[in-house]
Amino acid sequence: MQTIEGMQTAALQIISYSGEARSHFVEAIREGRAGQYQKADLLIKAGEEAYNKIHQVHFSLIQKEANGEILPFSLLFIHAEDQMLTTETLKIMAVEMIELCKMVVEGKTG
């Protein structure tokens, strides 16, 4: 049985890893704008590593619920899931923006 304290701990882990991942993705965009694509790619990978930690915490809770365990409600956990989804969206946008920077610099289309 997951306790409310356990849910809050999981939520704080997700929020923390989300912040770490978002920082890497934002920095990757900045490096991409500066034409530093190799640094941008490394920052995307670092962000993905942080995001994978989020996924591990989140998936473990999903597995518990799928196995019939009733998880306590936590408003903090809802906030954590919101942070997780926002971070995932930011990753997609960062990758696309870096590709756009490359296209603009190289004069390519489509």
PDB file of N, CA and C in Angstrom:
ATOM      1  N   MET A   1       0.844  -1.190   0.000  1.00  0.00           N
ATOM      2  CA  MET A   1       0.000   0.000   0.000  1.00  0.00           C
ATOM      3  C   MET A   1       0.877   1.237   0.000  1.00  0.00           C
ATOM      4  N   GLN A   2       0.655   2.085  -0.960  1.00  0.00           N
ATOM      5  CA  GLN A   2       1.373   3.353  -1.078  1.00  0.00           C
ATOM      6  C   GLN A   2       0.751   4.338  -0.093  1.00  0.00           C
ATOM      7  N   THR A   3       1.564   4.983   0.703  1.00  0.00           N
ATOM      8  CA  THR A   3       1.072   5.983   1.645  1.00  0.00           C
ATOM      9  C   THR A   3       1.024   7.349   0.967  1.00  0.00           C
ATOM     10  N   ILE A   4       0.317   8.291   1.595  1.00  0.00           N
ATOM     11  CA  ILE A   4       0.281   9.652   1.047  1.00  0.00           C
ATOM     12  C   ILE A   4       1.688  10.244   1.044  1.00  0.00           C
ATOM     13  N   GLU A   5       2.490   9.905   2.048  1.00  0.00           N
ATOM     14  CA  GLU A   5       3.867  10.398   2.080  1.00  0.00           C
ATOM     15  C   GLU A   5       4.669   9.817   0.910  1.00  0.00           C
ATOM     16  N   GLY A   6       4.401   8.561   0.581  1.00  0.00           N
ATOM     17  CA  GLY A   6       5.072   7.939  -0.558  1.00  0.00           C
ATOM     18  C   GLY A   6       4.682   8.599  -1.866  1.00  0.00           C
ATOM     19  N   MET A   7       3.387   8.941  -1.982  1.00  0.00           N
ATOM     20  CA  MET A   7       2.925   9.629  -3.196  1.00  0.00           C
ATOM     21  C   MET A   7       3.555  11.011  -3.300  1.00  0.00           C
ATOM     22  N   GLN A   8       3.658  11.691  -2.160  1.00  0.00           N
ATOM     23  CA  GLN A   8       4.256  13.026  -2.180  1.00  0.00           C
ATOM     24  C   GLN A   8       5.745  12.959  -2.507  1.00  0.00           C
ATOM     25  N   THR A   9       6.411  11.936  -2.009  1.00  0.00           N
ATOM     26  CA  THR A   9       7.828  11.758  -2.342  1.00  0.00           C
ATOM     27  C   THR A   9       7.989  11.519  -3.832  1.00  0.00           C
ATOM     28  N   ALA A  10       7.141  10.652  -4.390  1.00  0.00           N
ATOM     29  CA  ALA A  10       7.192  10.392  -5.834  1.00  0.00           C
ATOM     30  C   ALA A  10       6.914  11.676  -6.612  1.00  0.00           C
ATOM     31  N   ALA A  11       5.941  12.448  -6.141  1.00  0.00           N
ATOM     32  CA  ALA A  11       5.603  13.706  -6.822  1.00  0.00           C
ATOM     33  C   ALA A  11       6.789  14.667  -6.805  1.00  0.00           C
ATOM     34  N   LEU A  12       7.443  14.773  -5.677  1.00  0.00           N
ATOM     35  CA  LEU A  12       8.592  15.685  -5.588  1.00  0.00           C
ATOM     36  C   LEU A  12       9.754  15.209  -6.460  1.00  0.00           C
ATOM     37  N   GLN A  13       9.919  13.893  -6.566  1.00  0.00           N
ATOM     38  CA  GLN A  13      10.954  13.375  -7.474  1.00  0.00           C
ATOM     39  C   GLN A  13      10.632  13.765  -8.916  1.00  0.00           C
ATOM     40  N   ILE A  14       9.377  13.589  -9.308  1.00  0.00           N
ATOM     41  CA  ILE A  14       8.969  13.933 -10.681  1.00  0.00           C
ATOM     42  C   ILE A  14       9.159  15.425 -10.929  1.00  0.00           C
ATOM     43  N   ILE A  15       8.756  16.253  -9.980  1.00  0.00           N
ATOM     44  CA  ILE A  15       8.902  17.707 -10.135  1.00  0.00           C
ATOM     45  C   ILE A  15      10.384  18.078 -10.246  1.00  0.00           C
ATOM     46  N   SER A  16      11.220  17.461  -9.430  1.00  0.00           N
ATOM     47  CA  SER A  16      12.653  17.753  -9.450  1.00  0.00           C
ATOM     48  C   SER A  16      13.288  17.346 -10.781  1.00  0.00           C
ATOM     49  N   TYR A  17      13.006  16.131 -11.222  1.00  0.00           N
ATOM     50  CA  TYR A  17      13.565  15.664 -12.504  1.00  0.00           C
ATOM     51  C   TYR A  17      12.999  16.480 -13.668  1.00  0.00           C
ATOM     52  N   SER A  18      11.757  16.919 -13.558  1.00  0.00           N
ATOM     53  CA  SER A  18      11.168  17.757 -14.617  1.00  0.00           C
ATOM     54  C   SER A  18      11.926  19.075 -14.732  1.00  0.00           C
ATOM     55  N   GLY A  19      12.236  19.675 -13.598  1.00  0.00           N
ATOM     56  CA  GLY A  19      12.986  20.922 -13.614  1.00  0.00           C
ATOM     57  C   GLY A  19      14.364  20.732 -14.233  1.00  0.00           C
ATOM     58  N   GLU A  20      15.008  19.635 -13.865  1.00  0.00           N
ATOM     59  CA  GLU A  20      16.329  19.337 -14.426  1.00  0.00           C
ATOM     60  C   GLU A  20      16.235  19.156 -15.942  1.00  0.00           C
ATOM     61  N   ALA A  21      15.268  18.374 -16.376  1.00  0.00           N
ATOM     62  CA  ALA A  21      15.114  18.118 -17.814  1.00  0.00           C
ATOM     63  C   ALA A  21      14.777  19.403 -18.560  1.00  0.00           C
ATOM     64  N   ARG A  22      13.860  20.197 -18.016  1.00  0.00           N
ATOM     65  CA  ARG A  22      13.473  21.453 -18.682  1.00  0.00           C
ATOM     66  C   ARG A  22      14.666  22.393 -18.819  1.00  0.00           C
ATOM     67  N   SER A  23      15.486  22.465 -17.792  1.00  0.00           N
ATOM     68  CA  SER A  23      16.676  23.321 -17.863  1.00  0.00           C
ATOM     69  C   SER A  23      17.583  22.893 -19.011  1.00  0.00           C
ATOM     70  N   HIS A  24      17.776  21.591 -19.153  1.00  0.00           N
ATOM     71  CA  HIS A  24      18.601  21.090 -20.261  1.00  0.00           C
ATOM     72  C   HIS A  24      17.965  21.419 -21.612  1.00  0.00           C
ATOM     73  N   PHE A  25      16.653  21.261 -21.723  1.00  0.00           N
ATOM     74  CA  PHE A  25      15.992  21.518 -23.011  1.00  0.00           C
ATOM     75  C   PHE A  25      16.039  23.006 -23.377  1.00  0.00           C
ATOM     76  N   VAL A  26      15.833  23.867 -22.407  1.00  0.00           N
ATOM     77  CA  VAL A  26      15.902  25.311 -22.675  1.00  0.00           C
ATOM     78  C   VAL A  26      17.328  25.706 -23.061  1.00  0.00           C
ATOM     79  N   GLU A  27      18.293  25.174 -22.348  1.00  0.00           N
ATOM     80  CA  GLU A  27      19.691  25.472 -22.687  1.00  0.00           C
ATOM     81  C   GLU A  27      20.041  24.936 -24.083  1.00  0.00           C
ATOM     82  N   ALA A  28      19.477  23.790 -24.434  1.00  0.00           N
ATOM     83  CA  ALA A  28      19.707  23.224 -25.775  1.00  0.00           C
ATOM     84  C   ALA A  28      19.177  24.167 -26.853  1.00  0.00           C
ATOM     85  N   ILE A  29      18.025  24.759 -26.624  1.00  0.00           N
ATOM     86  CA  ILE A  29      17.476  25.727 -27.588  1.00  0.00           C
ATOM     87  C   ILE A  29      18.430  26.906 -27.736  1.00  0.00           C
ATOM     88  N   ARG A  30      18.926  27.401 -26.628  1.00  0.00           N
ATOM     89  CA  ARG A  30      19.853  28.543 -26.667  1.00  0.00           C
ATOM     90  C   ARG A  30      21.133  28.193 -27.433  1.00  0.00           C
ATOM     91  N   GLU A  31      21.653  26.987 -27.202  1.00  0.00           N
ATOM     92  CA  GLU A  31      22.859  26.561 -27.930  1.00  0.00           C
ATOM     93  C   GLU A  31      22.541  26.399 -29.418  1.00  0.00           C
ATOM     94  N   GLY A  32      21.358  25.888 -29.714  1.00  0.00           N
ATOM     95  CA  GLY A  32      20.956  25.740 -31.112  1.00  0.00           C
ATOM     96  C   GLY A  32      20.867  27.090 -31.810  1.00  0.00           C
ATOM     97  N   ARG A  33      20.302  28.061 -31.131  1.00  0.00           N
ATOM     98  CA  ARG A  33      20.203  29.420 -31.700  1.00  0.00           C
ATOM     99  C   ARG A  33      21.583  30.010 -31.945  1.00  0.00           C
ATOM    100  N   ALA A  34      22.541  29.629 -31.097  1.00  0.00           N
ATOM    101  CA  ALA A  34      23.917  30.134 -31.240  1.00  0.00           C
ATOM    102  C   ALA A  34      24.717  29.322 -32.250  1.00  0.00           C
ATOM    103  N   GLY A  35      24.077  28.326 -32.857  1.00  0.00           N
ATOM    104  CA  GLY A  35      24.771  27.500 -33.852  1.00  0.00           C
ATOM    105  C   GLY A  35      25.650  26.427 -33.248  1.00  0.00           C
ATOM    106  N   GLN A  36      25.520  26.204 -31.969  1.00  0.00           N
ATOM    107  CA  GLN A  36      26.308  25.177 -31.269  1.00  0.00           C
ATOM    108  C   GLN A  36      25.492  23.878 -31.217  1.00  0.00           C
ATOM    109  N   TYR A  37      25.355  23.237 -32.365  1.00  0.00           N
ATOM    110  CA  TYR A  37      24.458  22.080 -32.481  1.00  0.00           C
ATOM    111  C   TYR A  37      24.933  20.853 -31.715  1.00  0.00           C
ATOM    112  N   GLN A  38      26.243  20.663 -31.645  1.00  0.00           N
ATOM    113  CA  GLN A  38      26.749  19.509 -30.900  1.00  0.00           C
ATOM    114  C   GLN A  38      26.432  19.672 -29.405  1.00  0.00           C
ATOM    115  N   LYS A  39      26.628  20.877 -28.891  1.00  0.00           N
ATOM    116  CA  LYS A  39      26.280  21.138 -27.489  1.00  0.00           C
ATOM    117  C   LYS A  39      24.777  20.981 -27.289  1.00  0.00           C
ATOM    118  N   ALA A  40      24.005  21.459 -28.262  1.00  0.00           N
ATOM    119  CA  ALA A  40      22.548  21.336 -28.166  1.00  0.00           C
ATOM    120  C   ALA A  40      22.128  19.872 -28.102  1.00  0.00           C
ATOM    121  N   ASP A  41      22.740  19.050 -28.951  1.00  0.00           N
ATOM    122  CA  ASP A  41      22.402  17.618 -28.947  1.00  0.00           C
ATOM    123  C   ASP A  41      22.751  16.963 -27.612  1.00  0.00           C
ATOM    124  N   LEU A  42      23.901  17.346 -27.053  1.00  0.00           N
ATOM    125  CA  LEU A  42      24.298  16.783 -25.751  1.00  0.00           C
ATOM    126  C   LEU A  42      23.314  17.198 -24.655  1.00  0.00           C
ATOM    127  N   LEU A  43      22.849  18.439 -24.730  1.00  0.00           N
ATOM    128  CA  LEU A  43      21.890  18.909 -23.730  1.00  0.00           C
ATOM    129  C   LEU A  43      20.534  18.210 -23.889  1.00  0.00           C
ATOM    130  N   ILE A  44      20.143  17.941 -25.128  1.00  0.00           N
ATOM    131  CA  ILE A  44      18.902  17.175 -25.340  1.00  0.00           C
ATOM    132  C   ILE A  44      19.043  15.789 -24.720  1.00  0.00           C
ATOM    133  N   LYS A  45      20.184  15.162 -24.925  1.00  0.00           N
ATOM    134  CA  LYS A  45      20.403  13.829 -24.338  1.00  0.00           C
ATOM    135  C   LYS A  45      20.390  13.882 -22.811  1.00  0.00           C
ATOM    136  N   ALA A  46      21.002  14.911 -22.249  1.00  0.00           N
ATOM    137  CA  ALA A  46      20.994  15.061 -20.784  1.00  0.00           C
ATOM    138  C   ALA A  46      19.563  15.256 -20.284  1.00  0.00           C
ATOM    139  N   GLY A  47      18.783  16.034 -21.034  1.00  0.00           N
ATOM    140  CA  GLY A  47      17.382  16.225 -20.671  1.00  0.00           C
ATOM    141  C   GLY A  47      16.590  14.929 -20.759  1.00  0.00           C
ATOM    142  N   GLU A  48      16.892  14.151 -21.782  1.00  0.00           N
ATOM    143  CA  GLU A  48      16.207  12.862 -21.935  1.00  0.00           C
ATOM    144  C   GLU A  48      16.542  11.919 -20.778  1.00  0.00           C
ATOM    145  N   GLU A  49      17.788  11.958 -20.320  1.00  0.00           N
ATOM    146  CA  GLU A  49      18.175  11.115 -19.180  1.00  0.00           C
ATOM    147  C   GLU A  49      17.384  11.509 -17.937  1.00  0.00           C
ATOM    148  N   ALA A  50      17.249  12.809 -17.703  1.00  0.00           N
ATOM    149  CA  ALA A  50      16.452  13.265 -16.556  1.00  0.00           C
ATOM    150  C   ALA A  50      14.987  12.864 -16.747  1.00  0.00           C
ATOM    151  N   TYR A  51      14.498  12.999 -17.980  1.00  0.00           N
ATOM    152  CA  TYR A  51      13.100  12.641 -18.242  1.00  0.00           C
ATOM    153  C   TYR A  51      12.870  11.145 -18.029  1.00  0.00           C
ATOM    154  N   ASN A  52      13.855  10.334 -18.378  1.00  0.00           N
ATOM    155  CA  ASN A  52      13.706   8.890 -18.163  1.00  0.00           C
ATOM    156  C   ASN A  52      13.537   8.558 -16.680  1.00  0.00           C
ATOM    157  N   LYS A  53      14.174   9.343 -15.807  1.00  0.00           N
ATOM    158  CA  LYS A  53      14.001   9.138 -14.366  1.00  0.00           C
ATOM    159  C   LYS A  53      12.564   9.454 -13.958  1.00  0.00           C
ATOM    160  N   ILE A  54      11.999  10.478 -14.577  1.00  0.00           N
ATOM    161  CA  ILE A  54      10.588  10.802 -14.323  1.00  0.00           C
ATOM    162  C   ILE A  54       9.720   9.615 -14.699  1.00  0.00           C
ATOM    163  N   HIS A  55       9.987   9.110 -15.880  1.00  0.00           N
ATOM    164  CA  HIS A  55       9.190   8.011 -16.406  1.00  0.00           C
ATOM    165  C   HIS A  55       9.258   6.784 -15.492  1.00  0.00           C
ATOM    166  N   GLN A  56      10.447   6.505 -14.943  1.00  0.00           N
ATOM    167  CA  GLN A  56      10.595   5.350 -14.052  1.00  0.00           C
ATOM    168  C   GLN A  56       9.720   5.505 -12.811  1.00  0.00           C
ATOM    169  N   VAL A  57       9.733   6.697 -12.213  1.00  0.00           N
ATOM    170  CA  VAL A  57       8.916   6.936 -11.011  1.00  0.00           C
ATOM    171  C   VAL A  57       7.439   6.821 -11.367  1.00  0.00           C
ATOM    172  N   HIS A  58       7.041   7.466 -12.446  1.00  0.00           N
ATOM    173  CA  HIS A  58       5.638   7.477 -12.849  1.00  0.00           C
ATOM    174  C   HIS A  58       5.161   6.075 -13.210  1.00  0.00           C
ATOM    175  N   PHE A  59       5.982   5.349 -13.972  1.00  0.00           N
ATOM    176  CA  PHE A  59       5.581   4.017 -14.418  1.00  0.00           C
ATOM    177  C   PHE A  59       5.455   3.051 -13.232  1.00  0.00           C
ATOM    178  N   SER A  60       6.305   3.206 -12.222  1.00  0.00           N
ATOM    179  CA  SER A  60       6.201   2.309 -11.062  1.00  0.00           C
ATOM    180  C   SER A  60       4.855   2.479 -10.365  1.00  0.00           C
ATOM    181  N   LEU A  61       4.359   3.715 -10.333  1.00  0.00           N
ATOM    182  CA  LEU A  61       3.050   3.950  -9.714  1.00  0.00           C
ATOM    183  C   LEU A  61       1.923   3.399 -10.589  1.00  0.00           C
ATOM    184  N   ILE A  62       2.075   3.544 -11.890  1.00  0.00           N
ATOM    185  CA  ILE A  62       1.062   2.990 -12.803  1.00  0.00           C
ATOM    186  C   ILE A  62       1.001   1.476 -12.653  1.00  0.00           C
ATOM    187  N   GLN A  63       2.173   0.839 -12.520  1.00  0.00           N
ATOM    188  CA  GLN A  63       2.198  -0.618 -12.337  1.00  0.00           C
ATOM    189  C   GLN A  63       1.479  -1.025 -11.055  1.00  0.00           C
ATOM    190  N   LYS A  64       1.699  -0.265  -9.987  1.00  0.00           N
ATOM    191  CA  LYS A  64       1.033  -0.587  -8.723  1.00  0.00           C
ATOM    192  C   LYS A  64      -0.479  -0.503  -8.875  1.00  0.00           C
ATOM    193  N   GLU A  65      -0.933   0.553  -9.521  1.00  0.00           N
ATOM    194  CA  GLU A  65      -2.375   0.702  -9.697  1.00  0.00           C
ATOM    195  C   GLU A  65      -2.921  -0.374 -10.623  1.00  0.00           C
ATOM    196  N   ALA A  66      -2.169  -0.710 -11.658  1.00  0.00           N
ATOM    197  CA  ALA A  66      -2.605  -1.769 -12.579  1.00  0.00           C
ATOM    198  C   ALA A  66      -2.687  -3.120 -11.874  1.00  0.00           C
ATOM    199  N   ASN A  67      -1.876  -3.297 -10.830  1.00  0.00           N
ATOM    200  CA  ASN A  67      -1.902  -4.549 -10.068  1.00  0.00           C
ATOM    201  C   ASN A  67      -2.940  -4.529  -8.954  1.00  0.00           C
ATOM    202  N   GLY A  68      -3.778  -3.502  -8.942  1.00  0.00           N
ATOM    203  CA  GLY A  68      -4.888  -3.474  -7.998  1.00  0.00           C
ATOM    204  C   GLY A  68      -4.662  -2.665  -6.744  1.00  0.00           C
ATOM    205  N   GLU A  69      -3.484  -2.074  -6.607  1.00  0.00           N
ATOM    206  CA  GLU A  69      -3.219  -1.277  -5.420  1.00  0.00           C
ATOM    207  C   GLU A  69      -3.949   0.060  -5.542  1.00  0.00           C
ATOM    208  N   ILE A  70      -4.618   0.456  -4.493  1.00  0.00           N
ATOM    209  CA  ILE A  70      -5.310   1.742  -4.472  1.00  0.00           C
ATOM    210  C   ILE A  70      -4.319   2.797  -3.999  1.00  0.00           C
ATOM    211  N   LEU A  71      -4.050   3.764  -4.866  1.00  0.00           N
ATOM    212  CA  LEU A  71      -3.103   4.820  -4.522  1.00  0.00           C
ATOM    213  C   LEU A  71      -3.856   5.999  -3.925  1.00  0.00           C
ATOM    214  N   PRO A  72      -3.292   6.605  -2.874  1.00  0.00           N
ATOM    215  CA  PRO A  72      -3.973   7.751  -2.271  1.00  0.00           C
ATOM    216  C   PRO A  72      -3.944   8.964  -3.201  1.00  0.00           C
ATOM    217  N   PHE A  73      -4.997   9.771  -3.131  1.00  0.00           N
ATOM    218  CA  PHE A  73      -5.068  10.979  -3.938  1.00  0.00           C
ATOM    219  C   PHE A  73      -4.073  12.006  -3.415  1.00  0.00           C
ATOM    220  N   SER A  74      -3.403  12.663  -4.338  1.00  0.00           N
ATOM    221  CA  SER A  74      -2.460  13.700  -3.957  1.00  0.00           C
ATOM    222  C   SER A  74      -2.529  14.821  -4.985  1.00  0.00           C
ATOM    223  N   LEU A  75      -2.929  15.996  -4.533  1.00  0.00           N
ATOM    224  CA  LEU A  75      -2.950  17.155  -5.418  1.00  0.00           C
ATOM    225  C   LEU A  75      -1.537  17.461  -5.912  1.00  0.00           C
ATOM    226  N   LEU A  76      -0.551  17.235  -5.052  1.00  0.00           N
ATOM    227  CA  LEU A  76       0.842  17.441  -5.429  1.00  0.00           C
ATOM    228  C   LEU A  76       1.226  16.520  -6.586  1.00  0.00           C
ATOM    229  N   PHE A  77       0.689  15.301  -6.581  1.00  0.00           N
ATOM    230  CA  PHE A  77       1.000  14.371  -7.668  1.00  0.00           C
ATOM    231  C   PHE A  77       0.377  14.827  -8.984  1.00  0.00           C
ATOM    232  N   ILE A  78      -0.796  15.405  -8.918  1.00  0.00           N
ATOM    233  CA  ILE A  78      -1.415  15.951 -10.140  1.00  0.00           C
ATOM    234  C   ILE A  78      -0.532  17.066 -10.697  1.00  0.00           C
ATOM    235  N   HIS A  79      -0.026  17.902  -9.821  1.00  0.00           N
ATOM    236  CA  HIS A  79       0.900  18.961 -10.254  1.00  0.00           C
ATOM    237  C   HIS A  79       2.150  18.340 -10.883  1.00  0.00           C
ATOM    238  N   ALA A  80       2.649  17.274 -10.279  1.00  0.00           N
ATOM    239  CA  ALA A  80       3.840  16.608 -10.816  1.00  0.00           C
ATOM    240  C   ALA A  80       3.578  16.064 -12.220  1.00  0.00           C
ATOM    241  N   GLU A  81       2.415  15.463 -12.412  1.00  0.00           N
ATOM    242  CA  GLU A  81       2.083  14.951 -13.747  1.00  0.00           C
ATOM    243  C   GLU A  81       1.984  16.099 -14.755  1.00  0.00           C
ATOM    244  N   ASP A  82       1.446  17.223 -14.330  1.00  0.00           N
ATOM    245  CA  ASP A  82       1.380  18.394 -15.203  1.00  0.00           C
ATOM    246  C   ASP A  82       2.792  18.845 -15.590  1.00  0.00           C
ATOM    247  N   GLN A  83       3.696  18.868 -14.620  1.00  0.00           N
ATOM    248  CA  GLN A  83       5.086  19.233 -14.900  1.00  0.00           C
ATOM    249  C   GLN A  83       5.728  18.235 -15.874  1.00  0.00           C
ATOM    250  N   MET A  84       5.413  16.963 -15.683  1.00  0.00           N
ATOM    251  CA  MET A  84       5.960  15.911 -16.542  1.00  0.00           C
ATOM    252  C   MET A  84       5.513  16.116 -17.990  1.00  0.00           C
ATOM    253  N   LEU A  85       4.227  16.366 -18.184  1.00  0.00           N
ATOM    254  CA  LEU A  85       3.702  16.534 -19.540  1.00  0.00           C
ATOM    255  C   LEU A  85       4.233  17.814 -20.181  1.00  0.00           C
ATOM    256  N   THR A  86       4.357  18.874 -19.395  1.00  0.00           N
ATOM    257  CA  THR A  86       4.909  20.119 -19.917  1.00  0.00           C
ATOM    258  C   THR A  86       6.357  19.907 -20.365  1.00  0.00           C
ATOM    259  N   THR A  87       7.090  19.149 -19.587  1.00  0.00           N
ATOM    260  CA  THR A  87       8.487  18.868 -19.930  1.00  0.00           C
ATOM    261  C   THR A  87       8.578  18.054 -21.214  1.00  0.00           C
ATOM    262  N   GLU A  88       7.698  17.088 -21.364  1.00  0.00           N
ATOM    263  CA  GLU A  88       7.695  16.281 -22.587  1.00  0.00           C
ATOM    264  C   GLU A  88       7.416  17.161 -23.806  1.00  0.00           C
ATOM    265  N   THR A  89       6.469  18.078 -23.665  1.00  0.00           N
ATOM    266  CA  THR A  89       6.152  18.992 -24.770  1.00  0.00           C
ATOM    267  C   THR A  89       7.347  19.888 -25.082  1.00  0.00           C
ATOM    268  N   LEU A  90       8.002  20.374 -24.031  1.00  0.00           N
ATOM    269  CA  LEU A  90       9.164  21.232 -24.235  1.00  0.00           C
ATOM    270  C   LEU A  90      10.273  20.490 -24.968  1.00  0.00           C
ATOM    271  N   LYS A  91      10.448  19.213 -24.668  1.00  0.00           N
ATOM    272  CA  LYS A  91      11.470  18.422 -25.367  1.00  0.00           C
ATOM    273  C   LYS A  91      11.170  18.373 -26.865  1.00  0.00           C
ATOM    274  N   ILE A  92       9.929  18.088 -27.204  1.00  0.00           N
ATOM    275  CA  ILE A  92       9.543  18.024 -28.617  1.00  0.00           C
ATOM    276  C   ILE A  92       9.807  19.370 -29.290  1.00  0.00           C
ATOM    277  N   MET A  93       9.420  20.447 -28.623  1.00  0.00           N
ATOM    278  CA  MET A  93       9.608  21.777 -29.192  1.00  0.00           C
ATOM    279  C   MET A  93      11.101  22.128 -29.310  1.00  0.00           C
ATOM    280  N   ALA A  94      11.901  21.728 -28.330  1.00  0.00           N
ATOM    281  CA  ALA A  94      13.341  22.016 -28.373  1.00  0.00           C
ATOM    282  C   ALA A  94      13.983  21.326 -29.570  1.00  0.00           C
ATOM    283  N   VAL A  95      13.660  20.067 -29.771  1.00  0.00           N
ATOM    284  CA  VAL A  95      14.237  19.321 -30.900  1.00  0.00           C
ATOM    285  C   VAL A  95      13.828  19.980 -32.217  1.00  0.00           C
ATOM    286  N   GLU A  96      12.552  20.346 -32.323  1.00  0.00           N
ATOM    287  CA  GLU A  96      12.074  20.984 -33.557  1.00  0.00           C
ATOM    288  C   GLU A  96      12.722  22.354 -33.773  1.00  0.00           C
ATOM    289  N   MET A  97      12.863  23.129 -32.705  1.00  0.00           N
ATOM    290  CA  MET A  97      13.455  24.464 -32.839  1.00  0.00           C
ATOM    291  C   MET A  97      14.926  24.381 -33.248  1.00  0.00           C
ATOM    292  N   ILE A  98      15.632  23.420 -32.721  1.00  0.00           N
ATOM    293  CA  ILE A  98      17.043  23.253 -33.099  1.00  0.00           C
ATOM    294  C   ILE A  98      17.140  22.862 -34.578  1.00  0.00           C
ATOM    295  N   GLU A  99      16.251  21.982 -35.018  1.00  0.00           N
ATOM    296  CA  GLU A  99      16.237  21.610 -36.443  1.00  0.00           C
ATOM    297  C   GLU A  99      15.911  22.824 -37.310  1.00  0.00           C
ATOM    298  N   LEU A 100      14.982  23.659 -36.858  1.00  0.00           N
ATOM    299  CA  LEU A 100      14.661  24.883 -37.603  1.00  0.00           C
ATOM    300  C   LEU A 100      15.863  25.813 -37.685  1.00  0.00           C
ATOM    301  N   CYS A 101      16.599  25.939 -36.593  1.00  0.00           N
ATOM    302  CA  CYS A 101      17.811  26.770 -36.602  1.00  0.00           C
ATOM    303  C   CYS A 101      18.796  26.248 -37.644  1.00  0.00           C
ATOM    304  N   LYS A 102      18.960  24.925 -37.682  1.00  0.00           N
ATOM    305  CA  LYS A 102      19.874  24.334 -38.667  1.00  0.00           C
ATOM    306  C   LYS A 102      19.403  24.644 -40.086  1.00  0.00           C
ATOM    307  N   MET A 103      18.092  24.517 -40.304  1.00  0.00           N
ATOM    308  CA  MET A 103      17.551  24.763 -41.647  1.00  0.00           C
ATOM    309  C   MET A 103      17.746  26.220 -42.063  1.00  0.00           C
ATOM    310  N   VAL A 104      17.530  27.136 -41.153  1.00  0.00           N
ATOM    311  CA  VAL A 104      17.676  28.558 -41.466  1.00  0.00           C
ATOM    312  C   VAL A 104      19.132  28.866 -41.817  1.00  0.00           C
ATOM    313  N   VAL A 105      20.038  28.345 -41.014  1.00  0.00           N
ATOM    314  CA  VAL A 105      21.461  28.603 -41.244  1.00  0.00           C
ATOM    315  C   VAL A 105      21.918  27.980 -42.564  1.00  0.00           C
ATOM    316  N   GLU A 106      21.429  26.778 -42.839  1.00  0.00           N
ATOM    317  CA  GLU A 106      21.845  26.073 -44.053  1.00  0.00           C
ATOM    318  C   GLU A 106      21.023  26.491 -45.272  1.00  0.00           C
ATOM    319  N   GLY A 107      19.983  27.293 -45.060  1.00  0.00           N
ATOM    320  CA  GLY A 107      19.162  27.758 -46.168  1.00  0.00           C
ATOM    321  C   GLY A 107      18.280  26.694 -46.777  1.00  0.00           C
ATOM    322  N   LYS A 108      17.970  25.664 -46.000  1.00  0.00           N
ATOM    323  CA  LYS A 108      17.130  24.570 -46.488  1.00  0.00           C
ATOM    324  C   LYS A 108      15.670  24.873 -46.223  1.00  0.00           C
ATOM    325  N   THR A 109      14.801  24.146 -46.929  1.00  0.00           N
ATOM    326  CA  THR A 109      13.358  24.210 -46.697  1.00  0.00           C
ATOM    327  C   THR A 109      12.834  22.823 -46.406  1.00  0.00           C
ATOM    328  N   GLY A 110      11.638  22.792 -45.780  1.00  0.00           N
ATOM    329  CA  GLY A 110      10.858  21.615 -45.559  1.00  0.00           C
ATOM    330  C   GLY A 110      11.470  20.520 -44.851  1.00  0.00           C
TER     331      GLY A 110
END
